[in-house]
Amino acid sequence: HKSIWDRLRQKITALGRQAEIFLASGELSLALKTMLDS
């Protein structure tokens, strides 16, 4: 189950990188927008 956990963590880490891009450029990915809107 740790392998599944690691995969989810990587997805959330990727959202963090998308948040950095959004703050720097205003570019908002669909995945991050979906999460923030919720």
PDB file of all heavy atoms in Angstrom:
ATOM      1  N   HIS A   1       0.821  -1.213   0.000  1.00  0.00           N
ATOM      2  CA  HIS A   1       0.000   0.000   0.000  1.00  0.00           C
ATOM      3  C   HIS A   1       0.854   1.262   0.000  1.00  0.00           C
ATOM      4  O   HIS A   1       0.386   2.331  -0.420  1.00  0.00           O
ATOM      5  CB  HIS A   1      -0.953  -0.016   1.195  1.00  0.00           C
ATOM      6  CG  HIS A   1      -2.075  -0.995   1.053  1.00  0.00           C
ATOM      7  ND1 HIS A   1      -1.986  -2.295   1.510  1.00  0.00           N
ATOM      8  CD2 HIS A   1      -3.294  -0.872   0.466  1.00  0.00           C
ATOM      9  CE1 HIS A   1      -3.120  -2.923   1.229  1.00  0.00           C
ATOM     10  NE2 HIS A   1      -3.924  -2.088   0.594  1.00  0.00           N
ATOM     11  N   LYS A   2       2.107   1.132   0.429  1.00  0.00           N
ATOM     12  CA  LYS A   2       3.007   2.284   0.386  1.00  0.00           C
ATOM     13  C   LYS A   2       3.235   2.753  -1.047  1.00  0.00           C
ATOM     14  O   LYS A   2       3.387   3.956  -1.308  1.00  0.00           O
ATOM     15  CB  LYS A   2       4.341   1.944   1.040  1.00  0.00           C
ATOM     16  CG  LYS A   2       5.349   3.086   1.025  1.00  0.00           C
ATOM     17  CD  LYS A   2       6.670   2.664   1.619  1.00  0.00           C
ATOM     18  CE  LYS A   2       7.673   3.798   1.550  1.00  0.00           C
ATOM     19  NZ  LYS A   2       7.948   4.257   0.184  1.00  0.00           N
ATOM     20  N   SER A   3       3.251   1.826  -1.989  1.00  0.00           N
ATOM     21  CA  SER A   3       3.448   2.215  -3.387  1.00  0.00           C
ATOM     22  C   SER A   3       2.289   3.089  -3.874  1.00  0.00           C
ATOM     23  O   SER A   3       2.485   4.020  -4.663  1.00  0.00           O
ATOM     24  CB  SER A   3       3.596   0.974  -4.270  1.00  0.00           C
ATOM     25  OG  SER A   3       2.399   0.202  -4.262  1.00  0.00           O
ATOM     26  N   ILE A   4       1.084   2.794  -3.412  1.00  0.00           N
ATOM     27  CA  ILE A   4      -0.075   3.627  -3.764  1.00  0.00           C
ATOM     28  C   ILE A   4       0.059   4.995  -3.099  1.00  0.00           C
ATOM     29  O   ILE A   4      -0.168   6.038  -3.721  1.00  0.00           O
ATOM     30  CB  ILE A   4      -1.385   2.940  -3.332  1.00  0.00           C
ATOM     31  CG1 ILE A   4      -1.453   1.502  -3.854  1.00  0.00           C
ATOM     32  CG2 ILE A   4      -2.590   3.750  -3.810  1.00  0.00           C
ATOM     33  CD1 ILE A   4      -2.627   0.700  -3.306  1.00  0.00           C
ATOM     34  N   TRP A   5       0.443   4.967  -1.810  1.00  0.00           N
ATOM     35  CA  TRP A   5       0.631   6.198  -1.052  1.00  0.00           C
ATOM     36  C   TRP A   5       1.640   7.111  -1.765  1.00  0.00           C
ATOM     37  O   TRP A   5       1.398   8.314  -1.912  1.00  0.00           O
ATOM     38  CB  TRP A   5       1.129   5.856   0.351  1.00  0.00           C
ATOM     39  CG  TRP A   5       1.303   7.016   1.277  1.00  0.00           C
ATOM     40  CD1 TRP A   5       2.196   8.036   1.158  1.00  0.00           C
ATOM     41  CD2 TRP A   5       0.561   7.279   2.461  1.00  0.00           C
ATOM     42  NE1 TRP A   5       2.084   8.901   2.205  1.00  0.00           N
ATOM     43  CE2 TRP A   5       1.079   8.471   3.018  1.00  0.00           C
ATOM     44  CE3 TRP A   5      -0.469   6.613   3.117  1.00  0.00           C
ATOM     45  CZ2 TRP A   5       0.586   8.999   4.213  1.00  0.00           C
ATOM     46  CZ3 TRP A   5      -0.955   7.158   4.295  1.00  0.00           C
ATOM     47  CH2 TRP A   5      -0.444   8.327   4.830  1.00  0.00           C
ATOM     48  N   ASP A   6       2.756   6.545  -2.202  1.00  0.00           N
ATOM     49  CA  ASP A   6       3.787   7.335  -2.874  1.00  0.00           C
ATOM     50  C   ASP A   6       3.244   7.970  -4.145  1.00  0.00           C
ATOM     51  O   ASP A   6       3.591   9.109  -4.491  1.00  0.00           O
ATOM     52  CB  ASP A   6       4.993   6.461  -3.201  1.00  0.00           C
ATOM     53  CG  ASP A   6       5.796   6.084  -1.967  1.00  0.00           C
ATOM     54  OD1 ASP A   6       5.635   6.747  -0.928  1.00  0.00           O
ATOM     55  OD2 ASP A   6       6.589   5.118  -2.045  1.00  0.00           O
ATOM     56  N   ARG A   7       2.401   7.241  -4.848  1.00  0.00           N
ATOM     57  CA  ARG A   7       1.834   7.775  -6.092  1.00  0.00           C
ATOM     58  C   ARG A   7       0.927   8.977  -5.803  1.00  0.00           C
ATOM     59  O   ARG A   7       0.972   9.988  -6.515  1.00  0.00           O
ATOM     60  CB  ARG A   7       1.058   6.668  -6.807  1.00  0.00           C
ATOM     61  CG  ARG A   7       0.660   7.016  -8.225  1.00  0.00           C
ATOM     62  CD  ARG A   7       0.299   5.793  -9.019  1.00  0.00           C
ATOM     63  NE  ARG A   7      -0.858   5.069  -8.498  1.00  0.00           N
ATOM     64  CZ  ARG A   7      -0.806   3.807  -8.038  1.00  0.00           C
ATOM     65  NH1 ARG A   7       0.336   3.144  -8.026  1.00  0.00           N
ATOM     66  NH2 ARG A   7      -1.898   3.211  -7.596  1.00  0.00           N
ATOM     67  N   LEU A   8       0.126   8.886  -4.744  1.00  0.00           N
ATOM     68  CA  LEU A   8      -0.740  10.009  -4.380  1.00  0.00           C
ATOM     69  C   LEU A   8       0.096  11.211  -3.934  1.00  0.00           C
ATOM     70  O   LEU A   8      -0.218  12.361  -4.276  1.00  0.00           O
ATOM     71  CB  LEU A   8      -1.700   9.603  -3.255  1.00  0.00           C
ATOM     72  CG  LEU A   8      -2.631   8.422  -3.516  1.00  0.00           C
ATOM     73  CD1 LEU A   8      -3.642   8.288  -2.386  1.00  0.00           C
ATOM     74  CD2 LEU A   8      -3.348   8.566  -4.850  1.00  0.00           C
ATOM     75  N   ARG A   9       1.148  10.939  -3.181  1.00  0.00           N
ATOM     76  CA  ARG A   9       2.016  12.026  -2.723  1.00  0.00           C
ATOM     77  C   ARG A   9       2.655  12.746  -3.906  1.00  0.00           C
ATOM     78  O   ARG A   9       2.779  13.976  -3.903  1.00  0.00           O
ATOM     79  CB  ARG A   9       3.086  11.474  -1.791  1.00  0.00           C
ATOM     80  CG  ARG A   9       4.083  12.515  -1.295  1.00  0.00           C
ATOM     81  CD  ARG A   9       4.919  11.973  -0.148  1.00  0.00           C
ATOM     82  NE  ARG A   9       5.509  10.685  -0.462  1.00  0.00           N
ATOM     83  CZ  ARG A   9       6.615  10.513  -1.171  1.00  0.00           C
ATOM     84  NH1 ARG A   9       7.253  11.576  -1.661  1.00  0.00           N
ATOM     85  NH2 ARG A   9       7.106   9.309  -1.386  1.00  0.00           N
ATOM     86  N   GLN A  10       3.046  11.999  -4.906  1.00  0.00           N
ATOM     87  CA  GLN A  10       3.643  12.601  -6.099  1.00  0.00           C
ATOM     88  C   GLN A  10       2.634  13.494  -6.820  1.00  0.00           C
ATOM     89  O   GLN A  10       2.991  14.561  -7.340  1.00  0.00           O
ATOM     90  CB  GLN A  10       4.158  11.508  -7.027  1.00  0.00           C
ATOM     91  CG  GLN A  10       5.384  10.769  -6.485  1.00  0.00           C
ATOM     92  CD  GLN A  10       5.686   9.481  -7.225  1.00  0.00           C
ATOM     93  OE1 GLN A  10       5.025   9.154  -8.223  1.00  0.00           O
ATOM     94  NE2 GLN A  10       6.669   8.737  -6.748  1.00  0.00           N
ATOM     95  N   LYS A  11       1.371  13.077  -6.834  1.00  0.00           N
ATOM     96  CA  LYS A  11       0.333  13.894  -7.479  1.00  0.00           C
ATOM     97  C   LYS A  11       0.141  15.214  -6.736  1.00  0.00           C
ATOM     98  O   LYS A  11       0.005  16.276  -7.359  1.00  0.00           O
ATOM     99  CB  LYS A  11      -0.987  13.118  -7.535  1.00  0.00           C
ATOM    100  CG  LYS A  11      -0.982  11.942  -8.496  1.00  0.00           C
ATOM    101  CD  LYS A  11      -2.335  11.237  -8.495  1.00  0.00           C
ATOM    102  CE  LYS A  11      -2.339  10.061  -9.472  1.00  0.00           C
ATOM    103  NZ  LYS A  11      -3.643   9.331  -9.461  1.00  0.00           N
ATOM    104  N   ILE A  12       0.137  15.150  -5.406  1.00  0.00           N
ATOM    105  CA  ILE A  12      -0.048  16.368  -4.624  1.00  0.00           C
ATOM    106  C   ILE A  12       1.187  17.260  -4.733  1.00  0.00           C
ATOM    107  O   ILE A  12       1.088  18.491  -4.792  1.00  0.00           O
ATOM    108  CB  ILE A  12      -0.368  16.018  -3.158  1.00  0.00           C
ATOM    109  CG1 ILE A  12      -1.680  15.224  -3.090  1.00  0.00           C
ATOM    110  CG2 ILE A  12      -0.472  17.276  -2.308  1.00  0.00           C
ATOM    111  CD1 ILE A  12      -2.019  14.701  -1.707  1.00  0.00           C
ATOM    112  N   THR A  13       2.367  16.643  -4.786  1.00  0.00           N
ATOM    113  CA  THR A  13       3.593  17.420  -4.994  1.00  0.00           C
ATOM    114  C   THR A  13       3.552  18.143  -6.334  1.00  0.00           C
ATOM    115  O   THR A  13       3.972  19.307  -6.441  1.00  0.00           O
ATOM    116  CB  THR A  13       4.820  16.495  -4.925  1.00  0.00           C
ATOM    117  OG1 THR A  13       4.870  15.873  -3.631  1.00  0.00           O
ATOM    118  CG2 THR A  13       6.103  17.279  -5.136  1.00  0.00           C
ATOM    119  N   ALA A  14       3.031  17.473  -7.353  1.00  0.00           N
ATOM    120  CA  ALA A  14       2.906  18.100  -8.675  1.00  0.00           C
ATOM    121  C   ALA A  14       1.954  19.294  -8.620  1.00  0.00           C
ATOM    122  O   ALA A  14       2.187  20.321  -9.271  1.00  0.00           O
ATOM    123  CB  ALA A  14       2.419  17.077  -9.698  1.00  0.00           C
ATOM    124  N   LEU A  15       0.901  19.180  -7.820  1.00  0.00           N
ATOM    125  CA  LEU A  15      -0.015  20.314  -7.647  1.00  0.00           C
ATOM    126  C   LEU A  15       0.699  21.486  -6.983  1.00  0.00           C
ATOM    127  O   LEU A  15       0.421  22.654  -7.283  1.00  0.00           O
ATOM    128  CB  LEU A  15      -1.228  19.890  -6.811  1.00  0.00           C
ATOM    129  CG  LEU A  15      -2.269  19.020  -7.511  1.00  0.00           C
ATOM    130  CD1 LEU A  15      -3.308  18.526  -6.502  1.00  0.00           C
ATOM    131  CD2 LEU A  15      -2.954  19.789  -8.629  1.00  0.00           C
ATOM    132  N   GLY A  16       1.623  21.182  -6.081  1.00  0.00           N
ATOM    133  CA  GLY A  16       2.403  22.241  -5.459  1.00  0.00           C
ATOM    134  C   GLY A  16       3.250  22.994  -6.473  1.00  0.00           C
ATOM    135  O   GLY A  16       3.370  24.226  -6.418  1.00  0.00           O
ATOM    136  N   ARG A  17       3.843  22.258  -7.407  1.00  0.00           N
ATOM    137  CA  ARG A  17       4.615  22.914  -8.471  1.00  0.00           C
ATOM    138  C   ARG A  17       3.701  23.754  -9.362  1.00  0.00           C
ATOM    139  O   ARG A  17       4.084  24.844  -9.820  1.00  0.00           O
ATOM    140  CB  ARG A  17       5.361  21.864  -9.295  1.00  0.00           C
ATOM    141  CG  ARG A  17       6.515  21.207  -8.520  1.00  0.00           C
ATOM    142  CD  ARG A  17       7.418  20.427  -9.454  1.00  0.00           C
ATOM    143  NE  ARG A  17       6.754  19.244  -9.980  1.00  0.00           N
ATOM    144  CZ  ARG A  17       6.803  18.038  -9.431  1.00  0.00           C
ATOM    145  NH1 ARG A  17       7.489  17.851  -8.313  1.00  0.00           N
ATOM    146  NH2 ARG A  17       6.177  17.017  -9.995  1.00  0.00           N
ATOM    147  N   GLN A  18       2.491  23.258  -9.596  1.00  0.00           N
ATOM    148  CA  GLN A  18       1.536  24.027 -10.384  1.00  0.00           C
ATOM    149  C   GLN A  18       1.119  25.303  -9.649  1.00  0.00           C
ATOM    150  O   GLN A  18       0.879  26.347 -10.283  1.00  0.00           O
ATOM    151  CB  GLN A  18       0.310  23.168 -10.698  1.00  0.00           C
ATOM    152  CG  GLN A  18       0.600  22.000 -11.629  1.00  0.00           C
ATOM    153  CD  GLN A  18      -0.554  21.017 -11.731  1.00  0.00           C
ATOM    154  OE1 GLN A  18      -1.721  21.394 -11.589  1.00  0.00           O
ATOM    155  NE2 GLN A  18      -0.240  19.750 -11.969  1.00  0.00           N
ATOM    156  N   ALA A  19       1.057  25.239  -8.316  1.00  0.00           N
ATOM    157  CA  ALA A  19       0.746  26.432  -7.528  1.00  0.00           C
ATOM    158  C   ALA A  19       1.853  27.471  -7.675  1.00  0.00           C
ATOM    159  O   ALA A  19       1.584  28.681  -7.776  1.00  0.00           O
ATOM    160  CB  ALA A  19       0.551  26.058  -6.060  1.00  0.00           C
ATOM    161  N   GLU A  20       3.109  27.026  -7.710  1.00  0.00           N
ATOM    162  CA  GLU A  20       4.231  27.949  -7.899  1.00  0.00           C
ATOM    163  C   GLU A  20       4.154  28.621  -9.270  1.00  0.00           C
ATOM    164  O   GLU A  20       4.415  29.829  -9.403  1.00  0.00           O
ATOM    165  CB  GLU A  20       5.553  27.200  -7.748  1.00  0.00           C
ATOM    166  CG  GLU A  20       5.805  26.676  -6.332  1.00  0.00           C
ATOM    167  CD  GLU A  20       7.097  25.864  -6.248  1.00  0.00           C
ATOM    168  OE1 GLU A  20       7.871  25.888  -7.226  1.00  0.00           O
ATOM    169  OE2 GLU A  20       7.318  25.209  -5.225  1.00  0.00           O
ATOM    170  N   ILE A  21       3.791  27.847 -10.291  1.00  0.00           N
ATOM    171  CA  ILE A  21       3.648  28.405 -11.643  1.00  0.00           C
ATOM    172  C   ILE A  21       2.512  29.427 -11.670  1.00  0.00           C
ATOM    173  O   ILE A  21       2.638  30.511 -12.263  1.00  0.00           O
ATOM    174  CB  ILE A  21       3.400  27.278 -12.658  1.00  0.00           C
ATOM    175  CG1 ILE A  21       4.642  26.385 -12.777  1.00  0.00           C
ATOM    176  CG2 ILE A  21       3.002  27.844 -14.022  1.00  0.00           C
ATOM    177  CD1 ILE A  21       4.428  25.127 -13.596  1.00  0.00           C
ATOM    178  N   PHE A  22       1.414  29.100 -11.027  1.00  0.00           N
ATOM    179  CA  PHE A  22       0.262  30.004 -10.965  1.00  0.00           C
ATOM    180  C   PHE A  22       0.640  31.329 -10.302  1.00  0.00           C
ATOM    181  O   PHE A  22       0.303  32.417 -10.794  1.00  0.00           O
ATOM    182  CB  PHE A  22      -0.876  29.325 -10.218  1.00  0.00           C
ATOM    183  CG  PHE A  22      -2.009  30.245  -9.842  1.00  0.00           C
ATOM    184  CD1 PHE A  22      -2.688  30.967 -10.808  1.00  0.00           C
ATOM    185  CD2 PHE A  22      -2.396  30.374  -8.512  1.00  0.00           C
ATOM    186  CE1 PHE A  22      -3.740  31.825 -10.454  1.00  0.00           C
ATOM    187  CE2 PHE A  22      -3.436  31.214  -8.148  1.00  0.00           C
ATOM    188  CZ  PHE A  22      -4.110  31.943  -9.122  1.00  0.00           C
ATOM    189  N   LEU A  23       1.378  31.254  -9.202  1.00  0.00           N
ATOM    190  CA  LEU A  23       1.768  32.469  -8.497  1.00  0.00           C
ATOM    191  C   LEU A  23       2.729  33.307  -9.326  1.00  0.00           C
ATOM    192  O   LEU A  23       2.680  34.540  -9.297  1.00  0.00           O
ATOM    193  CB  LEU A  23       2.408  32.099  -7.154  1.00  0.00           C
ATOM    194  CG  LEU A  23       1.460  31.480  -6.120  1.00  0.00           C
ATOM    195  CD1 LEU A  23       2.247  30.823  -4.996  1.00  0.00           C
ATOM    196  CD2 LEU A  23       0.515  32.543  -5.557  1.00  0.00           C
ATOM    197  N   ALA A  24       3.596  32.643 -10.082  1.00  0.00           N
ATOM    198  CA  ALA A  24       4.612  33.365 -10.856  1.00  0.00           C
ATOM    199  C   ALA A  24       4.069  33.944 -12.150  1.00  0.00           C
ATOM    200  O   ALA A  24       4.466  35.039 -12.576  1.00  0.00           O
ATOM    201  CB  ALA A  24       5.779  32.428 -11.152  1.00  0.00           C
ATOM    202  N   SER A  25       3.146  33.204 -12.796  1.00  0.00           N
ATOM    203  CA  SER A  25       2.727  33.596 -14.143  1.00  0.00           C
ATOM    204  C   SER A  25       1.234  33.833 -14.304  1.00  0.00           C
ATOM    205  O   SER A  25       0.803  34.392 -15.319  1.00  0.00           O
ATOM    206  CB  SER A  25       3.159  32.511 -15.139  1.00  0.00           C
ATOM    207  OG  SER A  25       2.433  31.305 -14.908  1.00  0.00           O
ATOM    208  N   GLY A  26       0.442  33.400 -13.344  1.00  0.00           N
ATOM    209  CA  GLY A  26      -1.010  33.496 -13.484  1.00  0.00           C
ATOM    210  C   GLY A  26      -1.614  32.321 -14.222  1.00  0.00           C
ATOM    211  O   GLY A  26      -2.840  32.224 -14.357  1.00  0.00           O
ATOM    212  N   GLU A  27      -0.762  31.423 -14.707  1.00  0.00           N
ATOM    213  CA  GLU A  27      -1.246  30.253 -15.446  1.00  0.00           C
ATOM    214  C   GLU A  27      -1.790  29.222 -14.458  1.00  0.00           C
ATOM    215  O   GLU A  27      -1.069  28.708 -13.606  1.00  0.00           O
ATOM    216  CB  GLU A  27      -0.112  29.646 -16.260  1.00  0.00           C
ATOM    217  CG  GLU A  27      -0.519  28.411 -17.054  1.00  0.00           C
ATOM    218  CD  GLU A  27       0.654  27.802 -17.800  1.00  0.00           C
ATOM    219  OE1 GLU A  27       1.670  28.508 -17.997  1.00  0.00           O
ATOM    220  OE2 GLU A  27       0.562  26.614 -18.172  1.00  0.00           O
ATOM    221  N   LEU A  28      -3.069  28.919 -14.598  1.00  0.00           N
ATOM    222  CA  LEU A  28      -3.745  28.032 -13.650  1.00  0.00           C
ATOM    223  C   LEU A  28      -4.123  26.738 -14.355  1.00  0.00           C
ATOM    224  O   LEU A  28      -4.974  26.732 -15.252  1.00  0.00           O
ATOM    225  CB  LEU A  28      -4.992  28.716 -13.086  1.00  0.00           C
ATOM    226  CG  LEU A  28      -5.772  28.006 -11.988  1.00  0.00           C
ATOM    227  CD1 LEU A  28      -4.875  27.716 -10.789  1.00  0.00           C
ATOM    228  CD2 LEU A  28      -6.965  28.841 -11.556  1.00  0.00           C
ATOM    229  N   SER A  29      -3.483  25.626 -13.951  1.00  0.00           N
ATOM    230  CA  SER A  29      -3.780  24.334 -14.567  1.00  0.00           C
ATOM    231  C   SER A  29      -5.178  23.882 -14.176  1.00  0.00           C
ATOM    232  O   SER A  29      -5.732  24.311 -13.153  1.00  0.00           O
ATOM    233  CB  SER A  29      -2.761  23.288 -14.125  1.00  0.00           C
ATOM    234  OG  SER A  29      -2.920  22.991 -12.740  1.00  0.00           O
ATOM    235  N   LEU A  30      -5.734  23.006 -14.983  1.00  0.00           N
ATOM    236  CA  LEU A  30      -7.080  22.512 -14.720  1.00  0.00           C
ATOM    237  C   LEU A  30      -7.138  21.769 -13.390  1.00  0.00           C
ATOM    238  O   LEU A  30      -8.078  21.953 -12.604  1.00  0.00           O
ATOM    239  CB  LEU A  30      -7.545  21.594 -15.855  1.00  0.00           C
ATOM    240  CG  LEU A  30      -8.936  20.962 -15.678  1.00  0.00           C
ATOM    241  CD1 LEU A  30     -10.005  22.042 -15.557  1.00  0.00           C
ATOM    242  CD2 LEU A  30      -9.243  20.016 -16.835  1.00  0.00           C
ATOM    243  N   ALA A  31      -6.129  20.941 -13.114  1.00  0.00           N
ATOM    244  CA  ALA A  31      -6.137  20.162 -11.877  1.00  0.00           C
ATOM    245  C   ALA A  31      -6.080  21.072 -10.656  1.00  0.00           C
ATOM    246  O   ALA A  31      -6.821  20.878  -9.681  1.00  0.00           O
ATOM    247  CB  ALA A  31      -4.954  19.185 -11.862  1.00  0.00           C
ATOM    248  N   LEU A  32      -5.215  22.083 -10.684  1.00  0.00           N
ATOM    249  CA  LEU A  32      -5.115  23.002  -9.544  1.00  0.00           C
ATOM    250  C   LEU A  32      -6.371  23.850  -9.422  1.00  0.00           C
ATOM    251  O   LEU A  32      -6.863  24.098  -8.315  1.00  0.00           O
ATOM    252  CB  LEU A  32      -3.887  23.892  -9.696  1.00  0.00           C
ATOM    253  CG  LEU A  32      -3.642  24.870  -8.542  1.00  0.00           C
ATOM    254  CD1 LEU A  32      -3.384  24.119  -7.243  1.00  0.00           C
ATOM    255  CD2 LEU A  32      -2.473  25.800  -8.857  1.00  0.00           C
ATOM    256  N   LYS A  33      -6.911  24.298 -10.553  1.00  0.00           N
ATOM    257  CA  LYS A  33      -8.141  25.102 -10.520  1.00  0.00           C
ATOM    258  C   LYS A  33      -9.283  24.311  -9.906  1.00  0.00           C
ATOM    259  O   LYS A  33     -10.058  24.838  -9.084  1.00  0.00           O
ATOM    260  CB  LYS A  33      -8.515  25.554 -11.924  1.00  0.00           C
ATOM    261  CG  LYS A  33      -9.746  26.455 -11.967  1.00  0.00           C
ATOM    262  CD  LYS A  33     -10.061  26.884 -13.387  1.00  0.00           C
ATOM    263  CE  LYS A  33     -11.185  27.917 -13.408  1.00  0.00           C
ATOM    264  NZ  LYS A  33     -12.437  27.424 -12.786  1.00  0.00           N
ATOM    265  N   THR A  34      -9.386  23.042 -10.267  1.00  0.00           N
ATOM    266  CA  THR A  34     -10.451  22.200  -9.722  1.00  0.00           C
ATOM    267  C   THR A  34     -10.334  22.093  -8.209  1.00  0.00           C
ATOM    268  O   THR A  34     -11.331  22.217  -7.476  1.00  0.00           O
ATOM    269  CB  THR A  34     -10.397  20.802 -10.351  1.00  0.00           C
ATOM    270  OG1 THR A  34     -10.572  20.919 -11.771  1.00  0.00           O
ATOM    271  CG2 THR A  34     -11.483  19.905  -9.777  1.00  0.00           C
ATOM    272  N   MET A  35      -9.099  21.888  -7.734  1.00  0.00           N
ATOM    273  CA  MET A  35      -8.896  21.764  -6.297  1.00  0.00           C
ATOM    274  C   MET A  35      -9.170  23.074  -5.574  1.00  0.00           C
ATOM    275  O   MET A  35      -9.884  23.115  -4.566  1.00  0.00           O
ATOM    276  CB  MET A  35      -7.475  21.294  -5.993  1.00  0.00           C
ATOM    277  CG  MET A  35      -7.232  21.025  -4.507  1.00  0.00           C
ATOM    278  SD  MET A  35      -5.512  20.607  -4.100  1.00  0.00           S
ATOM    279  CE  MET A  35      -4.797  22.261  -4.130  1.00  0.00           C
ATOM    280  N   LEU A  36      -8.620  24.181  -6.084  1.00  0.00           N
ATOM    281  CA  LEU A  36      -8.801  25.472  -5.414  1.00  0.00           C
ATOM    282  C   LEU A  36     -10.258  25.912  -5.419  1.00  0.00           C
ATOM    283  O   LEU A  36     -10.762  26.436  -4.429  1.00  0.00           O
ATOM    284  CB  LEU A  36      -7.921  26.528  -6.079  1.00  0.00           C
ATOM    285  CG  LEU A  36      -6.410  26.368  -5.895  1.00  0.00           C
ATOM    286  CD1 LEU A  36      -5.666  27.425  -6.699  1.00  0.00           C
ATOM    287  CD2 LEU A  36      -6.028  26.453  -4.427  1.00  0.00           C
ATOM    288  N   ASP A  37     -10.947  25.706  -6.539  1.00  0.00           N
ATOM    289  CA  ASP A  37     -12.365  26.079  -6.603  1.00  0.00           C
ATOM    290  C   ASP A  37     -13.177  25.316  -5.566  1.00  0.00           C
ATOM    291  O   ASP A  37     -14.065  25.886  -4.905  1.00  0.00           O
ATOM    292  CB  ASP A  37     -12.931  25.814  -8.000  1.00  0.00           C
ATOM    293  CG  ASP A  37     -12.452  26.829  -9.025  1.00  0.00           C
ATOM    294  OD1 ASP A  37     -11.885  27.866  -8.623  1.00  0.00           O
ATOM    295  OD2 ASP A  37     -12.633  26.583 -10.245  1.00  0.00           O
ATOM    296  N   SER A  38     -12.871  24.020  -5.405  1.00  0.00           N
ATOM    297  CA  SER A  38     -13.573  23.217  -4.409  1.00  0.00           C
ATOM    298  C   SER A  38     -13.282  23.727  -2.997  1.00  0.00           C
ATOM    299  O   SER A  38     -14.192  23.826  -2.160  1.00  0.00           O
ATOM    300  CB  SER A  38     -13.152  21.745  -4.544  1.00  0.00           C
ATOM    301  OG  SER A  38     -13.688  20.963  -3.503  1.00  0.00           O
TER     302      SER A  38
END
